[in-house]
Amino acid sequence: MADIADFANDLVQERLDQALAARAAQLSAMPLSSLMFCDECDEPIPEARRLAQPGCTHCVECQSADDVRASRYAR
């Protein structure tokens, strides 16, 4: 049997879901800017990569190494 606390929890959850969806939509609408230099090795990130992958923070070599590391721990 549902009581007032259940209704309140449902309302709070609905509002939280709406706020998170609005935040996700807002973030996806913002243009991402890429870094000029790699976060890991401080080498310049080529312009072609920055244009192809907006928001990138690593050069191709460091991103590849990071992907390999991540795949090992994903199992």
PDB file of N, CA and C in Angstrom:
ATOM      1  N   MET A   1       0.846  -1.176   0.000  1.00  0.00           N
ATOM      2  CA  MET A   1       0.000   0.000   0.000  1.00  0.00           C
ATOM      3  C   MET A   1       0.894   1.242   0.000  1.00  0.00           C
ATOM      4  N   ALA A   2       0.679   2.112  -0.944  1.00  0.00           N
ATOM      5  CA  ALA A   2       1.503   3.308  -1.071  1.00  0.00           C
ATOM      6  C   ALA A   2       1.045   4.359  -0.067  1.00  0.00           C
ATOM      7  N   ASP A   3       2.020   4.997   0.545  1.00  0.00           N
ATOM      8  CA  ASP A   3       1.692   6.082   1.461  1.00  0.00           C
ATOM      9  C   ASP A   3       2.325   7.377   0.967  1.00  0.00           C
ATOM     10  N   ILE A   4       2.219   8.421   1.737  1.00  0.00           N
ATOM     11  CA  ILE A   4       2.696   9.731   1.309  1.00  0.00           C
ATOM     12  C   ILE A   4       4.210   9.751   1.100  1.00  0.00           C
ATOM     13  N   ALA A   5       4.956   8.964   1.868  1.00  0.00           N
ATOM     14  CA  ALA A   5       6.412   8.903   1.696  1.00  0.00           C
ATOM     15  C   ALA A   5       6.776   8.293   0.344  1.00  0.00           C
ATOM     16  N   ASP A   6       6.027   7.288  -0.091  1.00  0.00           N
ATOM     17  CA  ASP A   6       6.276   6.682  -1.400  1.00  0.00           C
ATOM     18  C   ASP A   6       6.018   7.689  -2.527  1.00  0.00           C
ATOM     19  N   PHE A   7       4.943   8.432  -2.406  1.00  0.00           N
ATOM     20  CA  PHE A   7       4.637   9.449  -3.403  1.00  0.00           C
ATOM     21  C   PHE A   7       5.716  10.529  -3.429  1.00  0.00           C
ATOM     22  N   ALA A   8       6.186  10.933  -2.259  1.00  0.00           N
ATOM     23  CA  ALA A   8       7.240  11.954  -2.178  1.00  0.00           C
ATOM     24  C   ALA A   8       8.520  11.441  -2.808  1.00  0.00           C
ATOM     25  N   ASN A   9       8.882  10.193  -2.531  1.00  0.00           N
ATOM     26  CA  ASN A   9      10.085   9.604  -3.129  1.00  0.00           C
ATOM     27  C   ASN A   9       9.971   9.528  -4.643  1.00  0.00           C
ATOM     28  N   ASP A  10       8.799   9.159  -5.129  1.00  0.00           N
ATOM     29  CA  ASP A  10       8.586   9.097  -6.576  1.00  0.00           C
ATOM     30  C   ASP A  10       8.724  10.476  -7.213  1.00  0.00           C
ATOM     31  N   LEU A  11       8.175  11.498  -6.549  1.00  0.00           N
ATOM     32  CA  LEU A  11       8.269  12.857  -7.059  1.00  0.00           C
ATOM     33  C   LEU A  11       9.719  13.345  -7.081  1.00  0.00           C
ATOM     34  N   VAL A  12      10.447  13.075  -6.021  1.00  0.00           N
ATOM     35  CA  VAL A  12      11.851  13.470  -5.966  1.00  0.00           C
ATOM     36  C   VAL A  12      12.649  12.763  -7.056  1.00  0.00           C
ATOM     37  N   GLN A  13      12.409  11.489  -7.252  1.00  0.00           N
ATOM     38  CA  GLN A  13      13.115  10.738  -8.285  1.00  0.00           C
ATOM     39  C   GLN A  13      12.796  11.278  -9.670  1.00  0.00           C
ATOM     40  N   GLU A  14      11.534  11.621  -9.907  1.00  0.00           N
ATOM     41  CA  GLU A  14      11.131  12.178 -11.202  1.00  0.00           C
ATOM     42  C   GLU A  14      11.825  13.512 -11.458  1.00  0.00           C
ATOM     43  N   ARG A  15      11.878  14.364 -10.450  1.00  0.00           N
ATOM     44  CA  ARG A  15      12.531  15.668 -10.596  1.00  0.00           C
ATOM     45  C   ARG A  15      14.037  15.498 -10.811  1.00  0.00           C
ATOM     46  N   LEU A  16      14.635  14.555 -10.112  1.00  0.00           N
ATOM     47  CA  LEU A  16      16.059  14.286 -10.276  1.00  0.00           C
ATOM     48  C   LEU A  16      16.350  13.783 -11.689  1.00  0.00           C
ATOM     49  N   ASP A  17      15.526  12.887 -12.187  1.00  0.00           N
ATOM     50  CA  ASP A  17      15.697  12.382 -13.553  1.00  0.00           C
ATOM     51  C   ASP A  17      15.575  13.507 -14.575  1.00  0.00           C
ATOM     52  N   GLN A  18      14.610  14.414 -14.361  1.00  0.00           N
ATOM     53  CA  GLN A  18      14.437  15.544 -15.265  1.00  0.00           C
ATOM     54  C   GLN A  18      15.653  16.468 -15.236  1.00  0.00           C
ATOM     55  N   ALA A  19      16.171  16.723 -14.043  1.00  0.00           N
ATOM     56  CA  ALA A  19      17.332  17.601 -13.918  1.00  0.00           C
ATOM     57  C   ALA A  19      18.559  16.984 -14.581  1.00  0.00           C
ATOM     58  N   LEU A  20      18.758  15.688 -14.397  1.00  0.00           N
ATOM     59  CA  LEU A  20      19.895  15.017 -15.019  1.00  0.00           C
ATOM     60  C   LEU A  20      19.766  14.987 -16.536  1.00  0.00           C
ATOM     61  N   ALA A  21      18.565  14.784 -17.043  1.00  0.00           N
ATOM     62  CA  ALA A  21      18.358  14.789 -18.489  1.00  0.00           C
ATOM     63  C   ALA A  21      18.612  16.178 -19.064  1.00  0.00           C
ATOM     64  N   ALA A  22      18.171  17.211 -18.353  1.00  0.00           N
ATOM     65  CA  ALA A  22      18.408  18.577 -18.825  1.00  0.00           C
ATOM     66  C   ALA A  22      19.894  18.895 -18.820  1.00  0.00           C
ATOM     67  N   ARG A  23      20.599  18.438 -17.802  1.00  0.00           N
ATOM     68  CA  ARG A  23      22.051  18.671 -17.714  1.00  0.00           C
ATOM     69  C   ARG A  23      22.771  17.937 -18.848  1.00  0.00           C
ATOM     70  N   ALA A  24      22.387  16.712 -19.127  1.00  0.00           N
ATOM     71  CA  ALA A  24      23.015  15.952 -20.208  1.00  0.00           C
ATOM     72  C   ALA A  24      22.765  16.617 -21.552  1.00  0.00           C
ATOM     73  N   ALA A  25      21.565  17.126 -21.758  1.00  0.00           N
ATOM     74  CA  ALA A  25      21.254  17.814 -23.014  1.00  0.00           C
ATOM     75  C   ALA A  25      22.067  19.097 -23.135  1.00  0.00           C
ATOM     76  N   GLN A  26      22.234  19.788 -22.043  1.00  0.00           N
ATOM     77  CA  GLN A  26      23.001  21.034 -22.049  1.00  0.00           C
ATOM     78  C   GLN A  26      24.469  20.757 -22.356  1.00  0.00           C
ATOM     79  N   LEU A  27      25.025  19.719 -21.764  1.00  0.00           N
ATOM     80  CA  LEU A  27      26.434  19.382 -22.006  1.00  0.00           C
ATOM     81  C   LEU A  27      26.661  18.930 -23.436  1.00  0.00           C
ATOM     82  N   SER A  28      25.711  18.180 -23.999  1.00  0.00           N
ATOM     83  CA  SER A  28      25.899  17.699 -25.365  1.00  0.00           C
ATOM     84  C   SER A  28      25.766  18.830 -26.377  1.00  0.00           C
ATOM     85  N   ALA A  29      25.081  19.912 -26.005  1.00  0.00           N
ATOM     86  CA  ALA A  29      24.910  21.039 -26.909  1.00  0.00           C
ATOM     87  C   ALA A  29      26.123  21.966 -26.900  1.00  0.00           C
ATOM     88  N   MET A  30      26.944  21.885 -25.867  1.00  0.00           N
ATOM     89  CA  MET A  30      28.112  22.748 -25.755  1.00  0.00           C
ATOM     90  C   MET A  30      29.222  22.235 -26.671  1.00  0.00           C
ATOM     91  N   PRO A  31      29.840  23.116 -27.433  1.00  0.00           N
ATOM     92  CA  PRO A  31      30.956  22.669 -28.274  1.00  0.00           C
ATOM     93  C   PRO A  31      32.163  22.325 -27.395  1.00  0.00           C
ATOM     94  N   LEU A  32      32.767  21.207 -27.679  1.00  0.00           N
ATOM     95  CA  LEU A  32      33.932  20.787 -26.926  1.00  0.00           C
ATOM     96  C   LEU A  32      35.188  21.366 -27.557  1.00  0.00           C
ATOM     97  N   SER A  33      36.115  21.777 -26.734  1.00  0.00           N
ATOM     98  CA  SER A  33      37.374  22.275 -27.276  1.00  0.00           C
ATOM     99  C   SER A  33      38.478  21.287 -26.931  1.00  0.00           C
ATOM    100  N   SER A  34      39.313  21.034 -27.890  1.00  0.00           N
ATOM    101  CA  SER A  34      40.425  20.107 -27.707  1.00  0.00           C
ATOM    102  C   SER A  34      41.626  20.851 -27.141  1.00  0.00           C
ATOM    103  N   LEU A  35      42.476  20.110 -26.474  1.00  0.00           N
ATOM    104  CA  LEU A  35      43.713  20.687 -25.979  1.00  0.00           C
ATOM    105  C   LEU A  35      44.736  20.791 -27.108  1.00  0.00           C
ATOM    106  N   MET A  36      45.635  21.724 -26.990  1.00  0.00           N
ATOM    107  CA  MET A  36      46.703  21.867 -27.980  1.00  0.00           C
ATOM    108  C   MET A  36      47.841  20.882 -27.699  1.00  0.00           C
ATOM    109  N   PHE A  37      48.019  20.541 -26.410  1.00  0.00           N
ATOM    110  CA  PHE A  37      49.097  19.639 -26.011  1.00  0.00           C
ATOM    111  C   PHE A  37      48.512  18.490 -25.199  1.00  0.00           C
ATOM    112  N   CYS A  38      49.108  17.327 -25.360  1.00  0.00           N
ATOM    113  CA  CYS A  38      48.659  16.110 -24.704  1.00  0.00           C
ATOM    114  C   CYS A  38      48.766  16.252 -23.181  1.00  0.00           C
ATOM    115  N   ASP A  39      47.744  15.802 -22.480  1.00  0.00           N
ATOM    116  CA  ASP A  39      47.744  15.816 -21.012  1.00  0.00           C
ATOM    117  C   ASP A  39      48.821  14.904 -20.438  1.00  0.00           C
ATOM    118  N   GLU A  40      49.141  13.854 -21.156  1.00  0.00           N
ATOM    119  CA  GLU A  40      50.045  12.840 -20.635  1.00  0.00           C
ATOM    120  C   GLU A  40      51.513  13.125 -20.956  1.00  0.00           C
ATOM    121  N   CYS A  41      51.821  13.395 -22.223  1.00  0.00           N
ATOM    122  CA  CYS A  41      53.232  13.519 -22.628  1.00  0.00           C
ATOM    123  C   CYS A  41      53.633  14.943 -23.007  1.00  0.00           C
ATOM    124  N   ASP A  42      52.688  15.870 -22.999  1.00  0.00           N
ATOM    125  CA  ASP A  42      52.931  17.275 -23.334  1.00  0.00           C
ATOM    126  C   ASP A  42      53.395  17.508 -24.772  1.00  0.00           C
ATOM    127  N   GLU A  43      53.209  16.531 -25.647  1.00  0.00           N
ATOM    128  CA  GLU A  43      53.516  16.712 -27.069  1.00  0.00           C
ATOM    129  C   GLU A  43      52.332  17.408 -27.725  1.00  0.00           C
ATOM    130  N   PRO A  44      52.561  18.161 -28.804  1.00  0.00           N
ATOM    131  CA  PRO A  44      51.442  18.811 -29.501  1.00  0.00           C
ATOM    132  C   PRO A  44      50.485  17.777 -30.097  1.00  0.00           C
ATOM    133  N   ILE A  45      49.199  18.063 -29.987  1.00  0.00           N
ATOM    134  CA  ILE A  45      48.180  17.210 -30.595  1.00  0.00           C
ATOM    135  C   ILE A  45      47.954  17.739 -32.010  1.00  0.00           C
ATOM    136  N   PRO A  46      48.101  16.885 -33.033  1.00  0.00           N
ATOM    137  CA  PRO A  46      47.929  17.350 -34.421  1.00  0.00           C
ATOM    138  C   PRO A  46      46.542  17.963 -34.655  1.00  0.00           C
ATOM    139  N   GLU A  47      46.511  18.977 -35.503  1.00  0.00           N
ATOM    140  CA  GLU A  47      45.258  19.674 -35.776  1.00  0.00           C
ATOM    141  C   GLU A  47      44.205  18.729 -36.355  1.00  0.00           C
ATOM    142  N   ALA A  48      44.638  17.789 -37.177  1.00  0.00           N
ATOM    143  CA  ALA A  48      43.682  16.846 -37.770  1.00  0.00           C
ATOM    144  C   ALA A  48      42.962  16.051 -36.680  1.00  0.00           C
ATOM    145  N   ARG A  49      43.693  15.641 -35.655  1.00  0.00           N
ATOM    146  CA  ARG A  49      43.067  14.896 -34.549  1.00  0.00           C
ATOM    147  C   ARG A  49      42.115  15.798 -33.770  1.00  0.00           C
ATOM    148  N   ARG A  50      42.534  17.028 -33.519  1.00  0.00           N
ATOM    149  CA  ARG A  50      41.683  17.951 -32.765  1.00  0.00           C
ATOM    150  C   ARG A  50      40.381  18.236 -33.501  1.00  0.00           C
ATOM    151  N   LEU A  51      40.447  18.305 -34.830  1.00  0.00           N
ATOM    152  CA  LEU A  51      39.236  18.550 -35.617  1.00  0.00           C
ATOM    153  C   LEU A  51      38.371  17.296 -35.723  1.00  0.00           C
ATOM    154  N   ALA A  52      39.009  16.141 -35.846  1.00  0.00           N
ATOM    155  CA  ALA A  52      38.267  14.893 -35.996  1.00  0.00           C
ATOM    156  C   ALA A  52      37.649  14.419 -34.689  1.00  0.00           C
ATOM    157  N   GLN A  53      38.301  14.742 -33.562  1.00  0.00           N
ATOM    158  CA  GLN A  53      37.845  14.278 -32.252  1.00  0.00           C
ATOM    159  C   GLN A  53      37.730  15.474 -31.309  1.00  0.00           C
ATOM    160  N   PRO A  54      36.655  16.268 -31.423  1.00  0.00           N
ATOM    161  CA  PRO A  54      36.519  17.440 -30.558  1.00  0.00           C
ATOM    162  C   PRO A  54      36.543  17.033 -29.084  1.00  0.00           C
ATOM    163  N   GLY A  55      37.266  17.796 -28.298  1.00  0.00           N
ATOM    164  CA  GLY A  55      37.363  17.516 -26.872  1.00  0.00           C
ATOM    165  C   GLY A  55      38.484  16.569 -26.499  1.00  0.00           C
ATOM    166  N   CYS A  56      39.335  16.205 -27.463  1.00  0.00           N
ATOM    167  CA  CYS A  56      40.410  15.262 -27.142  1.00  0.00           C
ATOM    168  C   CYS A  56      41.433  15.923 -26.214  1.00  0.00           C
ATOM    169  N   THR A  57      42.000  15.110 -25.343  1.00  0.00           N
ATOM    170  CA  THR A  57      42.986  15.606 -24.384  1.00  0.00           C
ATOM    171  C   THR A  57      44.309  14.863 -24.485  1.00  0.00           C
ATOM    172  N   HIS A  58      44.351  13.823 -25.325  1.00  0.00           N
ATOM    173  CA  HIS A  58      45.562  13.016 -25.477  1.00  0.00           C
ATOM    174  C   HIS A  58      45.942  12.912 -26.950  1.00  0.00           C
ATOM    175  N   CYS A  59      47.233  12.772 -27.209  1.00  0.00           N
ATOM    176  CA  CYS A  59      47.683  12.493 -28.569  1.00  0.00           C
ATOM    177  C   CYS A  59      47.288  11.058 -28.928  1.00  0.00           C
ATOM    178  N   VAL A  60      47.468  10.694 -30.170  1.00  0.00           N
ATOM    179  CA  VAL A  60      47.045   9.372 -30.635  1.00  0.00           C
ATOM    180  C   VAL A  60      47.781   8.267 -29.878  1.00  0.00           C
ATOM    181  N   GLU A  61      49.090   8.433 -29.691  1.00  0.00           N
ATOM    182  CA  GLU A  61      49.874   7.391 -29.025  1.00  0.00           C
ATOM    183  C   GLU A  61      49.430   7.188 -27.578  1.00  0.00           C
ATOM    184  N   CYS A  62      49.243   8.294 -26.841  1.00  0.00           N
ATOM    185  CA  CYS A  62      48.837   8.175 -25.442  1.00  0.00           C
ATOM    186  C   CYS A  62      47.410   7.650 -25.324  1.00  0.00           C
ATOM    187  N   GLN A  63      46.519   8.055 -26.243  1.00  0.00           N
ATOM    188  CA  GLN A  63      45.153   7.554 -26.221  1.00  0.00           C
ATOM    189  C   GLN A  63      45.129   6.060 -26.512  1.00  0.00           C
ATOM    190  N   SER A  64      45.959   5.610 -27.442  1.00  0.00           N
ATOM    191  CA  SER A  64      46.030   4.180 -27.752  1.00  0.00           C
ATOM    192  C   SER A  64      46.513   3.390 -26.547  1.00  0.00           C
ATOM    193  N   ALA A  65      47.551   3.892 -25.887  1.00  0.00           N
ATOM    194  CA  ALA A  65      48.068   3.213 -24.697  1.00  0.00           C
ATOM    195  C   ALA A  65      47.012   3.189 -23.598  1.00  0.00           C
ATOM    196  N   ASP A  66      46.270   4.282 -23.438  1.00  0.00           N
ATOM    197  CA  ASP A  66      45.221   4.348 -22.431  1.00  0.00           C
ATOM    198  C   ASP A  66      44.097   3.369 -22.747  1.00  0.00           C
ATOM    199  N   ASP A  67      43.750   3.245 -24.030  1.00  0.00           N
ATOM    200  CA  ASP A  67      42.714   2.293 -24.438  1.00  0.00           C
ATOM    201  C   ASP A  67      43.135   0.859 -24.146  1.00  0.00           C
ATOM    202  N   VAL A  68      44.399   0.544 -24.393  1.00  0.00           N
ATOM    203  CA  VAL A  68      44.909  -0.807 -24.111  1.00  0.00           C
ATOM    204  C   VAL A  68      44.842  -1.081 -22.614  1.00  0.00           C
ATOM    205  N   ARG A  69      45.281  -0.100 -21.807  1.00  0.00           N
ATOM    206  CA  ARG A  69      45.220  -0.255 -20.344  1.00  0.00           C
ATOM    207  C   ARG A  69      43.784  -0.447 -19.878  1.00  0.00           C
ATOM    208  N   ALA A  70      42.878   0.341 -20.407  1.00  0.00           N
ATOM    209  CA  ALA A  70      41.478   0.244 -20.012  1.00  0.00           C
ATOM    210  C   ALA A  70      40.862  -1.106 -20.389  1.00  0.00           C
ATOM    211  N   SER A  71      41.253  -1.640 -21.550  1.00  0.00           N
ATOM    212  CA  SER A  71      40.709  -2.929 -21.981  1.00  0.00           C
ATOM    213  C   SER A  71      41.205  -4.072 -21.097  1.00  0.00           C
ATOM    214  N   ARG A  72      42.386  -3.927 -20.560  1.00  0.00           N
ATOM    215  CA  ARG A  72      42.910  -4.977 -19.651  1.00  0.00           C
ATOM    216  C   ARG A  72      42.135  -5.017 -18.346  1.00  0.00           C
ATOM    217  N   TYR A  73      41.712  -3.846 -17.859  1.00  0.00           N
ATOM    218  CA  TYR A  73      41.008  -3.782 -16.578  1.00  0.00           C
ATOM    219  C   TYR A  73      39.505  -3.932 -16.737  1.00  0.00           C
ATOM    220  N   ALA A  74      39.008  -3.924 -17.955  1.00  0.00           N
ATOM    221  CA  ALA A  74      37.560  -4.027 -18.186  1.00  0.00           C
ATOM    222  C   ALA A  74      37.052  -5.451 -18.047  1.00  0.00           C
ATOM    223  N   ARG A  75      37.923  -6.393 -18.016  1.00  0.00           N
ATOM    224  CA  ARG A  75      37.487  -7.802 -17.954  1.00  0.00           C
ATOM    225  C   ARG A  75      36.968  -8.184 -16.626  1.00  0.00           C
TER     226      ARG A  75
END
